[in-house]
Amino acid sequence: MESVATTSIEDGQTPSSTMSKRGGWTAFPFVIGTFYPIISTVLSNNLVDLFNYFSLFFPPK
């Protein structure tokens, strides 16, 4: 009842050349698109807090 999936490596081939490629540069735009909103939100909130703290663009009333 036990079945073990094995792959045979022919002579002269390395294991990395027989495995399928996963991700790489193909996944890069998707990773950037996923993290961009999070990173930009955190950076913009921190910049606004720093501007307010040091009264850079918003003069005190």
Protein backbone atom coordinates (compact mmCIF):
# COMPACT_ATOMS: atom_id res chain seq x y z
CA MET A 1 0.00 0.00 0.00
CA GLU A 2 2.94 2.32 0.36
CA SER A 3 3.93 4.16 -2.76
CA VAL A 4 7.07 6.19 -2.92
CA ALA A 5 7.55 8.62 -5.76
CA THR A 6 11.14 8.55 -6.90
CA THR A 7 12.87 10.30 -9.72
CA SER A 8 15.83 8.82 -11.41
CA ILE A 9 18.79 10.98 -12.25
CA GLU A 10 20.50 10.04 -15.46
CA ASP A 11 24.26 10.02 -15.75
CA GLY A 12 25.82 13.45 -16.08
CA GLN A 13 22.86 15.39 -14.69
CA THR A 14 22.90 17.21 -11.42
CA PRO A 15 19.83 17.13 -9.19
CA SER A 16 19.31 20.89 -9.58
CA SER A 17 19.09 20.60 -13.37
CA THR A 18 16.37 17.97 -13.18
CA MET A 19 14.16 19.83 -10.71
CA SER A 20 11.63 22.30 -11.98
CA LYS A 21 12.41 25.96 -11.48
CA ARG A 22 10.16 27.64 -8.95
CA GLY A 23 9.75 31.39 -8.59
CA GLY A 24 12.88 33.27 -9.50
CA TRP A 25 12.56 36.46 -11.53
CA THR A 26 9.10 35.42 -12.69
CA ALA A 27 7.75 35.84 -9.16
CA PHE A 28 9.57 39.14 -8.52
CA PRO A 29 6.81 41.53 -9.77
CA PHE A 30 4.22 39.68 -7.72
CA VAL A 31 6.34 39.94 -4.58
CA ILE A 32 6.85 43.68 -5.15
CA GLY A 33 3.14 44.15 -5.82
CA THR A 34 2.31 42.35 -2.60
CA PHE A 35 4.63 44.28 -0.30
CA TYR A 36 4.53 47.73 -1.93
CA PRO A 37 1.27 48.91 -0.29
CA ILE A 38 2.46 47.78 3.14
CA ILE A 39 5.90 49.37 2.85
CA SER A 40 4.61 52.63 1.36
CA THR A 41 1.97 52.97 4.09
CA VAL A 42 4.46 52.46 6.87
CA LEU A 43 6.98 54.86 5.33
CA SER A 44 4.45 57.59 4.63
CA ASN A 45 3.01 57.41 8.15
CA ASN A 46 6.48 57.64 9.66
CA LEU A 47 7.41 60.58 7.44
CA VAL A 48 4.27 62.50 8.39
CA ASP A 49 4.98 61.87 12.07
CA LEU A 50 8.55 63.13 11.66
CA PHE A 51 7.39 66.22 9.75
CA ASN A 52 4.90 67.02 12.50
CA TYR A 53 7.43 66.39 15.26
CA PHE A 54 10.05 68.69 13.77
CA SER A 55 7.47 71.14 12.33
CA LEU A 56 9.01 70.93 8.87
CA PHE A 57 6.16 71.57 6.45
CA PHE A 58 3.43 72.50 8.90
CA PRO A 59 4.27 75.64 10.88
CA PRO A 60 2.86 75.75 14.42
CA LYS A 61 -0.30 77.79 14.88
